[in-house]
Amino acid sequence: MSLEAWWPLLRQESRDWLVANNGATLDPPVLDDLVRVGGSLPAGAWWLHDSGPDGFQLSDAGVDWVEAVANGEHPEPSPGH
């Protein structure tokens, strides 16, 4: 599922956390909400960085997308979508 599709379906608390902590390792409740909305975290999604020792993070493109939304902008659709 694309970032643009799941963003409005997330709980407000998750969206607020993503804006306030943009670029940080994803908090477990935020991950749970992403799974609730999308079913699973898609491997190779443009907005998701591979999990590392600390957990999942948004990719640079995902961080940029969240930042644009936080600034009241309407980012272009994701690459390849």
Foldseek 3Di string as FASTA:
>chain_A
DFPVVCVVVADPVLLVCCLVVPFDARDVVNLVRCCVRPVHDDPPHQQWDDADPVGIHTDPVVSVCSPCVVVVHDDDGDPPD
